Amino acid sequence: MCHVAVQRAADLIRESGRAALTDPATARMARLDLPQSTDSAGLARDADLLLVFGGDGTMLRVAREVAGSRTPILGINVGGLGFLTAVPSDLLPKALEFVWTGQYDLEPCPLLTASCETTNGPVEQVALNDFVLGRGAPSRMIELEVSVDGQVLTCYRCDGLIVSSPRGSTAYSLSAGGAVVCPDAAVFALTPICPHTLSNRSVIVNLASTVQVKVMSQKLETILTADGQVQSILVAGGVVTIRRSRRKVYLVQLAGSSFFATLRQKLSWSGSNV
């Protein structure tokens, strides 16, 4: 399915008189005979628009790879739920026509950055949706002390903690009981996963804040995961510092689309026409 959509996009671009570029992996997958850049970051430097085909996982990976680039990204959904890949593959011709006629807006999406000490040394990671501090293999609760701008919030006993961006609020955080946050709201959502204290709920803090999470568990493995894809094993007693990154990515929002319409459709809320 994905290779068909990619081939169709290449044909539409060529028919419009524009030039298409790709990366080696996509060229092999879709059997494209096109000029190539080395990777996603290279494409972002060489192209005026990035078309990303797949599901939200693909979008998250590409967003981290091109972090800081001003080249806009248009997600074409050939995967599952697809909050980030907003355009269904069967509407690709119409979507490209909207782009070529200027019927779109660019949504600047803040990225998150996390710095911490891992078993392999200090690391700094970037995420578009969220960072998750979770337990390793044993099914036992971990202890995490959370501070915001130097003030202690609480010490969670839980399966984990999700620190999400506004864009990431509809991902893991939502399934763990967190709030839906509008993408243009400048906030973090701090959502505990299965907390021991039932009164613990998701907490919303300013995106300009610095969130620090100290690993209090001494014998249980604690893992930091960026966007559900990149994992690091944290050291006991270590502190993860999470803040808004200086870098952003820019997502294409076609004319007539809206965050609330996407919510109604994807989550089958009242008012959806699906």
C-alpha atoms as a PDB file:
ATOM      1  CA  MET A   1       0.000   0.000   0.000  1.00  0.00           C
ATOM      2  CA  CYS A   2       2.722   2.494   0.957  1.00  0.00           C
ATOM      3  CA  HIS A   3       4.776   1.924  -2.175  1.00  0.00           C
ATOM      4  CA  VAL A   4       1.694   2.538  -4.355  1.00  0.00           C
ATOM      5  CA  ALA A   5       1.065   5.894  -2.661  1.00  0.00           C
ATOM      6  CA  VAL A   6       4.720   6.895  -3.038  1.00  0.00           C
ATOM      7  CA  GLN A   7       4.751   5.987  -6.733  1.00  0.00           C
ATOM      8  CA  ARG A   8       1.521   7.963  -7.239  1.00  0.00           C
ATOM      9  CA  ALA A   9       3.037  11.008  -5.536  1.00  0.00           C
ATOM     10  CA  ALA A  10       6.144  10.827  -7.741  1.00  0.00           C
ATOM     11  CA  ASP A  11       3.912  10.696 -10.844  1.00  0.00           C
ATOM     12  CA  LEU A  12       1.799  13.660  -9.704  1.00  0.00           C
ATOM     13  CA  ILE A  13       4.888  15.748  -8.955  1.00  0.00           C
ATOM     14  CA  ARG A  14       6.397  14.985 -12.346  1.00  0.00           C
ATOM     15  CA  GLU A  15       3.111  15.713 -14.138  1.00  0.00           C
ATOM     16  CA  SER A  16       2.952  19.119 -12.424  1.00  0.00           C
ATOM     17  CA  GLY A  17       6.345  20.066 -13.861  1.00  0.00           C
ATOM     18  CA  ARG A  18       8.080  19.908 -10.488  1.00  0.00           C
ATOM     19  CA  ALA A  19      11.104  17.843  -9.480  1.00  0.00           C
ATOM     20  CA  ALA A  20      10.953  14.994  -6.968  1.00  0.00           C
ATOM     21  CA  LEU A  21      13.732  13.776  -4.678  1.00  0.00           C
ATOM     22  CA  THR A  22      13.851  10.749  -2.436  1.00  0.00           C
ATOM     23  CA  ASP A  23      16.132   8.873  -0.077  1.00  0.00           C
ATOM     24  CA  PRO A  24      17.758   5.500  -0.846  1.00  0.00           C
ATOM     25  CA  ALA A  25      15.433   3.428   1.386  1.00  0.00           C
ATOM     26  CA  THR A  26      12.297   4.891  -0.198  1.00  0.00           C
ATOM     27  CA  ALA A  27      13.741   4.505  -3.685  1.00  0.00           C
ATOM     28  CA  ARG A  28      14.303   0.786  -3.054  1.00  0.00           C
ATOM     29  CA  MET A  29      10.914   0.256  -1.440  1.00  0.00           C
ATOM     30  CA  ALA A  30       8.912   1.990  -4.183  1.00  0.00           C
ATOM     31  CA  ARG A  31      11.331   1.203  -7.052  1.00  0.00           C
ATOM     32  CA  LEU A  32      11.800   4.855  -7.916  1.00  0.00           C
ATOM     33  CA  ASP A  33      14.320   6.150 -10.417  1.00  0.00           C
ATOM     34  CA  LEU A  34      14.783   9.614  -8.912  1.00  0.00           C
ATOM     35  CA  PRO A  35      17.620  11.845  -7.692  1.00  0.00           C
ATOM     36  CA  GLN A  36      18.447  10.991  -4.094  1.00  0.00           C
ATOM     37  CA  SER A  37      19.565  12.687  -0.904  1.00  0.00           C
ATOM     38  CA  THR A  38      21.385  10.631   1.698  1.00  0.00           C
ATOM     39  CA  ASP A  39      18.656  10.688   4.368  1.00  0.00           C
ATOM     40  CA  SER A  40      15.737  12.684   5.797  1.00  0.00           C
ATOM     41  CA  ALA A  41      17.985  15.501   6.965  1.00  0.00           C
ATOM     42  CA  GLY A  42      19.495  15.729   3.489  1.00  0.00           C
ATOM     43  CA  LEU A  43      16.057  15.849   1.901  1.00  0.00           C
ATOM     44  CA  ALA A  44      15.059  18.657   4.274  1.00  0.00           C
ATOM     45  CA  ARG A  45      18.068  20.668   3.071  1.00  0.00           C
ATOM     46  CA  ASP A  46      17.465  19.971  -0.623  1.00  0.00           C
ATOM     47  CA  ALA A  47      13.665  20.094  -0.923  1.00  0.00           C
ATOM     48  CA  ASP A  48      10.892  22.652  -0.444  1.00  0.00           C
ATOM     49  CA  LEU A  49       8.436  20.116   1.015  1.00  0.00           C
ATOM     50  CA  LEU A  50       8.783  16.724   2.699  1.00  0.00           C
ATOM     51  CA  LEU A  51       6.102  14.127   2.011  1.00  0.00           C
ATOM     52  CA  VAL A  52       6.099  11.443   4.711  1.00  0.00           C
ATOM     53  CA  PHE A  53       4.175   8.239   3.989  1.00  0.00           C
ATOM     54  CA  GLY A  54       3.172   5.856   6.757  1.00  0.00           C
ATOM     55  CA  GLY A  55       1.687   6.270  10.202  1.00  0.00           C
ATOM     56  CA  ASP A  56       2.435   8.492  13.157  1.00  0.00           C
ATOM     57  CA  GLY A  57       5.509   6.430  14.035  1.00  0.00           C
ATOM     58  CA  THR A  58       7.094   7.336  10.706  1.00  0.00           C
ATOM     59  CA  MET A  59       6.266  11.002  11.243  1.00  0.00           C
ATOM     60  CA  LEU A  60       7.827  10.959  14.706  1.00  0.00           C
ATOM     61  CA  ARG A  61      11.042   9.421  13.392  1.00  0.00           C
ATOM     62  CA  VAL A  62      11.333  11.926  10.552  1.00  0.00           C
ATOM     63  CA  ALA A  63      10.531  14.855  12.865  1.00  0.00           C
ATOM     64  CA  ARG A  64      13.475  13.929  15.103  1.00  0.00           C
ATOM     65  CA  GLU A  65      15.766  13.450  12.105  1.00  0.00           C
ATOM     66  CA  VAL A  66      14.972  16.871  10.606  1.00  0.00           C
ATOM     67  CA  ALA A  67      14.650  18.746  13.929  1.00  0.00           C
ATOM     68  CA  GLY A  68      15.359  22.436  13.458  1.00  0.00           C
ATOM     69  CA  SER A  69      14.698  22.468   9.703  1.00  0.00           C
ATOM     70  CA  ARG A  70      12.140  24.963   8.381  1.00  0.00           C
ATOM     71  CA  THR A  71      11.183  22.643   5.511  1.00  0.00           C
ATOM     72  CA  PRO A  72       7.473  21.843   5.997  1.00  0.00           C
ATOM     73  CA  ILE A  73       6.276  18.258   6.425  1.00  0.00           C
ATOM     74  CA  LEU A  74       3.054  16.838   4.997  1.00  0.00           C
ATOM     75  CA  GLY A  75       2.045  13.460   6.416  1.00  0.00           C
ATOM     76  CA  ILE A  76       0.223  11.014   4.140  1.00  0.00           C
ATOM     77  CA  ASN A  77      -1.572   8.359   6.182  1.00  0.00           C
ATOM     78  CA  VAL A  78      -1.096   4.783   5.010  1.00  0.00           C
ATOM     79  CA  GLY A  79      -0.925   3.479   8.574  1.00  0.00           C
ATOM     80  CA  GLY A  80      -3.384   3.291  11.451  1.00  0.00           C
ATOM     81  CA  LEU A  81      -4.991   6.062  13.505  1.00  0.00           C
ATOM     82  CA  GLY A  82      -2.897   8.882  12.084  1.00  0.00           C
ATOM     83  CA  PHE A  83      -3.112  12.086  14.145  1.00  0.00           C
ATOM     84  CA  LEU A  84       0.115  13.435  12.611  1.00  0.00           C
ATOM     85  CA  THR A  85      -0.363  11.943   9.144  1.00  0.00           C
ATOM     86  CA  ALA A  86      -3.531  13.893   8.539  1.00  0.00           C
ATOM     87  CA  VAL A  87      -4.084  13.267   4.798  1.00  0.00           C
ATOM     88  CA  PRO A  88      -5.534   9.878   3.738  1.00  0.00           C
ATOM     89  CA  SER A  89      -3.580   8.408   0.833  1.00  0.00           C
ATOM     90  CA  ASP A  90      -6.660   8.410  -1.432  1.00  0.00           C
ATOM     91  CA  LEU A  91      -6.849  12.220  -1.088  1.00  0.00           C
ATOM     92  CA  LEU A  92      -3.219  12.715  -2.156  1.00  0.00           C
ATOM     93  CA  PRO A  93      -3.992  14.436  -5.510  1.00  0.00           C
ATOM     94  CA  LYS A  94      -6.286  16.960  -3.826  1.00  0.00           C
ATOM     95  CA  ALA A  95      -3.784  17.547  -1.014  1.00  0.00           C
ATOM     96  CA  LEU A  96      -0.945  18.286  -3.429  1.00  0.00           C
ATOM     97  CA  GLU A  97      -3.186  20.652  -5.402  1.00  0.00           C
ATOM     98  CA  PHE A  98      -3.917  22.534  -2.164  1.00  0.00           C
ATOM     99  CA  VAL A  99      -0.192  22.827  -1.470  1.00  0.00           C
ATOM    100  CA  TRP A 100       0.637  24.011  -4.987  1.00  0.00           C
ATOM    101  CA  THR A 101      -2.090  26.673  -4.863  1.00  0.00           C
ATOM    102  CA  GLY A 102      -1.102  27.892  -1.396  1.00  0.00           C
ATOM    103  CA  GLN A 103      -4.192  26.624   0.404  1.00  0.00           C
ATOM    104  CA  TYR A 104      -2.469  25.611   3.615  1.00  0.00           C
ATOM    105  CA  ASP A 105      -0.979  26.883   6.850  1.00  0.00           C
ATOM    106  CA  LEU A 106       2.247  25.904   8.584  1.00  0.00           C
ATOM    107  CA  GLU A 107       1.952  24.734  12.175  1.00  0.00           C
ATOM    108  CA  PRO A 108       5.187  25.215  14.156  1.00  0.00           C
ATOM    109  CA  CYS A 109       5.481  22.288  16.562  1.00  0.00           C
ATOM    110  CA  PRO A 110       7.818  22.612  19.545  1.00  0.00           C
ATOM    111  CA  LEU A 111      10.116  19.689  20.227  1.00  0.00           C
ATOM    112  CA  LEU A 112      11.112  18.488  23.674  1.00  0.00           C
ATOM    113  CA  THR A 113      14.642  17.741  24.798  1.00  0.00           C
ATOM    114  CA  ALA A 114      15.777  15.482  27.635  1.00  0.00           C
ATOM    115  CA  SER A 115      19.265  15.294  29.113  1.00  0.00           C
ATOM    116  CA  CYS A 116      20.195  12.536  31.535  1.00  0.00           C
ATOM    117  CA  GLU A 117      22.827  10.107  32.762  1.00  0.00           C
ATOM    118  CA  THR A 118      22.432   6.603  31.347  1.00  0.00           C
ATOM    119  CA  THR A 119      24.301   3.353  31.810  1.00  0.00           C
ATOM    120  CA  ASN A 120      26.185   4.290  28.625  1.00  0.00           C
ATOM    121  CA  GLY A 121      27.032   7.807  29.789  1.00  0.00           C
ATOM    122  CA  PRO A 122      25.332  11.194  29.418  1.00  0.00           C
ATOM    123  CA  VAL A 123      22.862  11.583  26.551  1.00  0.00           C
ATOM    124  CA  GLU A 124      20.536  14.216  25.151  1.00  0.00           C
ATOM    125  CA  GLN A 125      17.454  13.126  23.261  1.00  0.00           C
ATOM    126  CA  VAL A 126      14.767  14.969  21.339  1.00  0.00           C
ATOM    127  CA  ALA A 127      11.075  14.100  20.955  1.00  0.00           C
ATOM    128  CA  LEU A 128       8.010  15.499  19.221  1.00  0.00           C
ATOM    129  CA  ASN A 129       5.294  13.662  21.180  1.00  0.00           C
ATOM    130  CA  ASP A 130       6.635  12.621  24.558  1.00  0.00           C
ATOM    131  CA  PHE A 131       9.255  11.230  26.879  1.00  0.00           C
ATOM    132  CA  VAL A 132       8.278   8.262  29.006  1.00  0.00           C
ATOM    133  CA  LEU A 133      10.096   7.095  32.115  1.00  0.00           C
ATOM    134  CA  GLY A 134       9.020   3.512  32.646  1.00  0.00           C
ATOM    135  CA  ARG A 135       9.955   0.374  34.512  1.00  0.00           C
ATOM    136  CA  GLY A 136      12.021  -2.422  33.022  1.00  0.00           C
ATOM    137  CA  ALA A 137      11.145  -6.120  32.920  1.00  0.00           C
ATOM    138  CA  PRO A 138      10.022  -6.755  36.558  1.00  0.00           C
ATOM    139  CA  SER A 139       6.348  -5.941  37.109  1.00  0.00           C
ATOM    140  CA  ARG A 140       7.018  -3.699  40.092  1.00  0.00           C
ATOM    141  CA  MET A 141       6.414  -0.015  40.629  1.00  0.00           C
ATOM    142  CA  ILE A 142       9.237   2.480  40.296  1.00  0.00           C
ATOM    143  CA  GLU A 143       9.658   5.669  42.323  1.00  0.00           C
ATOM    144  CA  LEU A 144      10.122   9.011  40.576  1.00  0.00           C
ATOM    145  CA  GLU A 145      10.480  12.397  42.261  1.00  0.00           C
ATOM    146  CA  VAL A 146       9.223  15.190  40.001  1.00  0.00           C
ATOM    147  CA  SER A 147      10.171  18.861  40.313  1.00  0.00           C
ATOM    148  CA  VAL A 148       8.990  21.801  38.204  1.00  0.00           C
ATOM    149  CA  ASP A 149      11.264  24.848  38.081  1.00  0.00           C
ATOM    150  CA  GLY A 150      13.045  23.631  41.204  1.00  0.00           C
ATOM    151  CA  GLN A 151       9.864  23.055  43.234  1.00  0.00           C
ATOM    152  CA  VAL A 152       8.996  19.481  44.199  1.00  0.00           C
ATOM    153  CA  LEU A 153       5.652  18.397  42.730  1.00  0.00           C
ATOM    154  CA  THR A 154       5.431  14.892  44.218  1.00  0.00           C
ATOM    155  CA  CYS A 155       7.113  11.516  44.431  1.00  0.00           C
ATOM    156  CA  TYR A 156       5.227   9.038  42.278  1.00  0.00           C
ATOM    157  CA  ARG A 157       5.095   5.304  42.907  1.00  0.00           C
ATOM    158  CA  CYS A 158       3.903   4.123  39.527  1.00  0.00           C
ATOM    159  CA  ASP A 159       4.569   2.089  36.404  1.00  0.00           C
ATOM    160  CA  GLY A 160       5.939   5.209  34.769  1.00  0.00           C
ATOM    161  CA  LEU A 161       5.536   8.881  33.916  1.00  0.00           C
ATOM    162  CA  ILE A 162       4.712  10.520  30.570  1.00  0.00           C
ATOM    163  CA  VAL A 163       5.938  14.033  29.837  1.00  0.00           C
ATOM    164  CA  SER A 164       4.192  15.075  26.652  1.00  0.00           C
ATOM    165  CA  SER A 165       4.138  18.059  24.339  1.00  0.00           C
ATOM    166  CA  PRO A 166       0.821  19.577  23.217  1.00  0.00           C
ATOM    167  CA  ARG A 167       1.045  17.469  20.048  1.00  0.00           C
ATOM    168  CA  GLY A 168       1.751  14.372  22.118  1.00  0.00           C
ATOM    169  CA  SER A 169      -1.287  14.784  24.359  1.00  0.00           C
ATOM    170  CA  THR A 170      -3.402  12.557  22.087  1.00  0.00           C
ATOM    171  CA  ALA A 171      -0.872   9.716  22.153  1.00  0.00           C
ATOM    172  CA  TYR A 172       0.214   7.652  25.186  1.00  0.00           C
ATOM    173  CA  SER A 173      -0.762  10.412  27.619  1.00  0.00           C
ATOM    174  CA  LEU A 174      -4.405  10.293  26.511  1.00  0.00           C
ATOM    175  CA  SER A 175      -4.609   6.508  26.927  1.00  0.00           C
ATOM    176  CA  ALA A 176      -3.160   6.876  30.451  1.00  0.00           C
ATOM    177  CA  GLY A 177      -5.906   9.322  31.446  1.00  0.00           C
ATOM    178  CA  GLY A 178      -4.298  12.613  30.440  1.00  0.00           C
ATOM    179  CA  ALA A 179      -6.121  15.585  28.997  1.00  0.00           C
ATOM    180  CA  VAL A 180      -6.496  16.409  25.316  1.00  0.00           C
ATOM    181  CA  VAL A 181      -4.422  19.557  24.729  1.00  0.00           C
ATOM    182  CA  CYS A 182      -4.785  21.882  21.750  1.00  0.00           C
ATOM    183  CA  PRO A 183      -1.573  21.889  19.678  1.00  0.00           C
ATOM    184  CA  ASP A 184      -1.101  25.649  20.072  1.00  0.00           C
ATOM    185  CA  ALA A 185      -1.246  25.520  23.896  1.00  0.00           C
ATOM    186  CA  ALA A 186       2.229  26.150  25.325  1.00  0.00           C
ATOM    187  CA  VAL A 187       2.159  23.467  28.014  1.00  0.00           C
ATOM    188  CA  PHE A 188       3.584  20.150  29.169  1.00  0.00           C
ATOM    189  CA  ALA A 189       1.293  17.363  30.345  1.00  0.00           C
ATOM    190  CA  LEU A 190       2.736  15.249  33.180  1.00  0.00           C
ATOM    191  CA  THR A 191       0.748  12.011  33.304  1.00  0.00           C
ATOM    192  CA  PRO A 192       1.531   9.160  35.715  1.00  0.00           C
ATOM    193  CA  ILE A 193       1.012   5.587  34.501  1.00  0.00           C
ATOM    194  CA  CYS A 194      -0.967   3.433  36.972  1.00  0.00           C
ATOM    195  CA  PRO A 195       0.012   5.467  40.061  1.00  0.00           C
ATOM    196  CA  HIS A 196      -0.197   3.825  43.493  1.00  0.00           C
ATOM    197  CA  THR A 197      -1.929   6.915  44.890  1.00  0.00           C
ATOM    198  CA  LEU A 198      -5.296   7.088  43.136  1.00  0.00           C
ATOM    199  CA  SER A 199      -5.555  10.857  43.601  1.00  0.00           C
ATOM    200  CA  ASN A 200      -2.512  11.362  41.332  1.00  0.00           C
ATOM    201  CA  ARG A 201      -3.761  12.853  38.081  1.00  0.00           C
ATOM    202  CA  SER A 202      -2.278  14.450  34.993  1.00  0.00           C
ATOM    203  CA  VAL A 203      -0.745  17.863  35.746  1.00  0.00           C
ATOM    204  CA  ILE A 204      -0.453  20.650  33.161  1.00  0.00           C
ATOM    205  CA  VAL A 205       2.520  23.027  33.456  1.00  0.00           C
ATOM    206  CA  ASN A 206       3.904  25.856  31.358  1.00  0.00           C
ATOM    207  CA  LEU A 207       6.025  24.791  28.390  1.00  0.00           C
ATOM    208  CA  ALA A 208       8.654  27.311  29.469  1.00  0.00           C
ATOM    209  CA  SER A 209       9.184  25.307  32.676  1.00  0.00           C
ATOM    210  CA  THR A 210      12.024  22.910  33.389  1.00  0.00           C
ATOM    211  CA  VAL A 211      10.806  19.493  34.507  1.00  0.00           C
ATOM    212  CA  GLN A 212      13.235  17.317  36.453  1.00  0.00           C
ATOM    213  CA  VAL A 213      12.571  13.689  37.284  1.00  0.00           C
ATOM    214  CA  LYS A 214      14.834  11.933  39.775  1.00  0.00           C
ATOM    215  CA  VAL A 215      15.042   8.141  39.675  1.00  0.00           C
ATOM    216  CA  MET A 216      14.527   7.099  43.304  1.00  0.00           C
ATOM    217  CA  SER A 217      14.388   3.336  42.662  1.00  0.00           C
ATOM    218  CA  GLN A 218      17.742   1.762  43.482  1.00  0.00           C
ATOM    219  CA  LYS A 219      17.239  -1.854  42.376  1.00  0.00           C
ATOM    220  CA  LEU A 220      14.670  -1.640  39.580  1.00  0.00           C
ATOM    221  CA  GLU A 221      15.612  -0.755  36.025  1.00  0.00           C
ATOM    222  CA  THR A 222      14.156   2.553  34.788  1.00  0.00           C
ATOM    223  CA  ILE A 223      14.059   3.334  31.077  1.00  0.00           C
ATOM    224  CA  LEU A 224      13.682   6.652  29.253  1.00  0.00           C
ATOM    225  CA  THR A 225      11.917   6.397  25.892  1.00  0.00           C
ATOM    226  CA  ALA A 226      11.630   9.164  23.300  1.00  0.00           C
ATOM    227  CA  ASP A 227       8.489   9.019  21.147  1.00  0.00           C
ATOM    228  CA  GLY A 228       8.136   5.310  21.883  1.00  0.00           C
ATOM    229  CA  GLN A 229      11.149   4.599  19.675  1.00  0.00           C
ATOM    230  CA  VAL A 230      14.513   5.500  21.265  1.00  0.00           C
ATOM    231  CA  GLN A 231      15.363   3.940  24.629  1.00  0.00           C
ATOM    232  CA  SER A 232      18.033   4.599  27.252  1.00  0.00           C
ATOM    233  CA  ILE A 233      18.553   2.822  30.587  1.00  0.00           C
ATOM    234  CA  LEU A 234      18.837   5.367  33.395  1.00  0.00           C
ATOM    235  CA  VAL A 235      21.188   5.172  36.363  1.00  0.00           C
ATOM    236  CA  ALA A 236      19.722   4.901  39.861  1.00  0.00           C
ATOM    237  CA  GLY A 237      19.635   8.299  41.537  1.00  0.00           C
ATOM    238  CA  GLY A 238      20.028  10.055  38.209  1.00  0.00           C
ATOM    239  CA  VAL A 239      17.999  13.077  37.126  1.00  0.00           C
ATOM    240  CA  VAL A 240      16.267  13.523  33.760  1.00  0.00           C
ATOM    241  CA  THR A 241      15.917  17.186  32.796  1.00  0.00           C
ATOM    242  CA  ILE A 242      13.163  17.858  30.269  1.00  0.00           C
ATOM    243  CA  ARG A 243      12.488  21.221  28.692  1.00  0.00           C
ATOM    244  CA  ARG A 244      11.265  22.800  25.506  1.00  0.00           C
ATOM    245  CA  SER A 245      13.834  22.510  22.730  1.00  0.00           C
ATOM    246  CA  ARG A 246      14.960  25.538  20.763  1.00  0.00           C
ATOM    247  CA  ARG A 247      14.237  23.516  17.640  1.00  0.00           C
ATOM    248  CA  LYS A 248      10.871  23.000  15.952  1.00  0.00           C
ATOM    249  CA  VAL A 249       9.353  21.168  13.038  1.00  0.00           C
ATOM    250  CA  TYR A 250       6.702  22.617  10.727  1.00  0.00           C
ATOM    251  CA  LEU A 251       3.650  20.574   9.785  1.00  0.00           C
ATOM    252  CA  VAL A 252       1.433  21.405   6.809  1.00  0.00           C
ATOM    253  CA  GLN A 253      -2.224  21.959   7.709  1.00  0.00           C
ATOM    254  CA  LEU A 254      -4.410  22.027   4.607  1.00  0.00           C
ATOM    255  CA  ALA A 255      -7.223  24.543   4.221  1.00  0.00           C
ATOM    256  CA  GLY A 256     -10.429  23.312   5.813  1.00  0.00           C
ATOM    257  CA  SER A 257      -8.723  20.991   8.279  1.00  0.00           C
ATOM    258  CA  SER A 258      -8.931  21.481  12.043  1.00  0.00           C
ATOM    259  CA  PHE A 259      -7.694  19.817  15.206  1.00  0.00           C
ATOM    260  CA  PHE A 260     -11.229  19.425  16.546  1.00  0.00           C
ATOM    261  CA  ALA A 261     -12.463  17.816  13.333  1.00  0.00           C
ATOM    262  CA  THR A 262      -9.570  15.370  13.557  1.00  0.00           C
ATOM    263  CA  LEU A 263     -10.510  14.542  17.152  1.00  0.00           C
ATOM    264  CA  ARG A 264     -14.129  13.887  16.211  1.00  0.00           C
ATOM    265  CA  GLN A 265     -13.121  11.652  13.331  1.00  0.00           C
ATOM    266  CA  LYS A 266     -10.226   9.724  14.878  1.00  0.00           C
ATOM    267  CA  LEU A 267     -11.871   9.188  18.276  1.00  0.00           C
ATOM    268  CA  SER A 268     -15.426   8.708  16.928  1.00  0.00           C
ATOM    269  CA  TRP A 269     -16.802  11.526  19.034  1.00  0.00           C
ATOM    270  CA  SER A 270     -20.310  12.926  18.603  1.00  0.00           C
ATOM    271  CA  GLY A 271     -20.479  15.093  15.507  1.00  0.00           C
ATOM    272  CA  SER A 272     -18.180  12.895  13.457  1.00  0.00           C
ATOM    273  CA  ASN A 273     -19.353  12.128   9.953  1.00  0.00           C
ATOM    274  CA  VAL A 274     -17.452   8.793   9.954  1.00  0.00           C
END
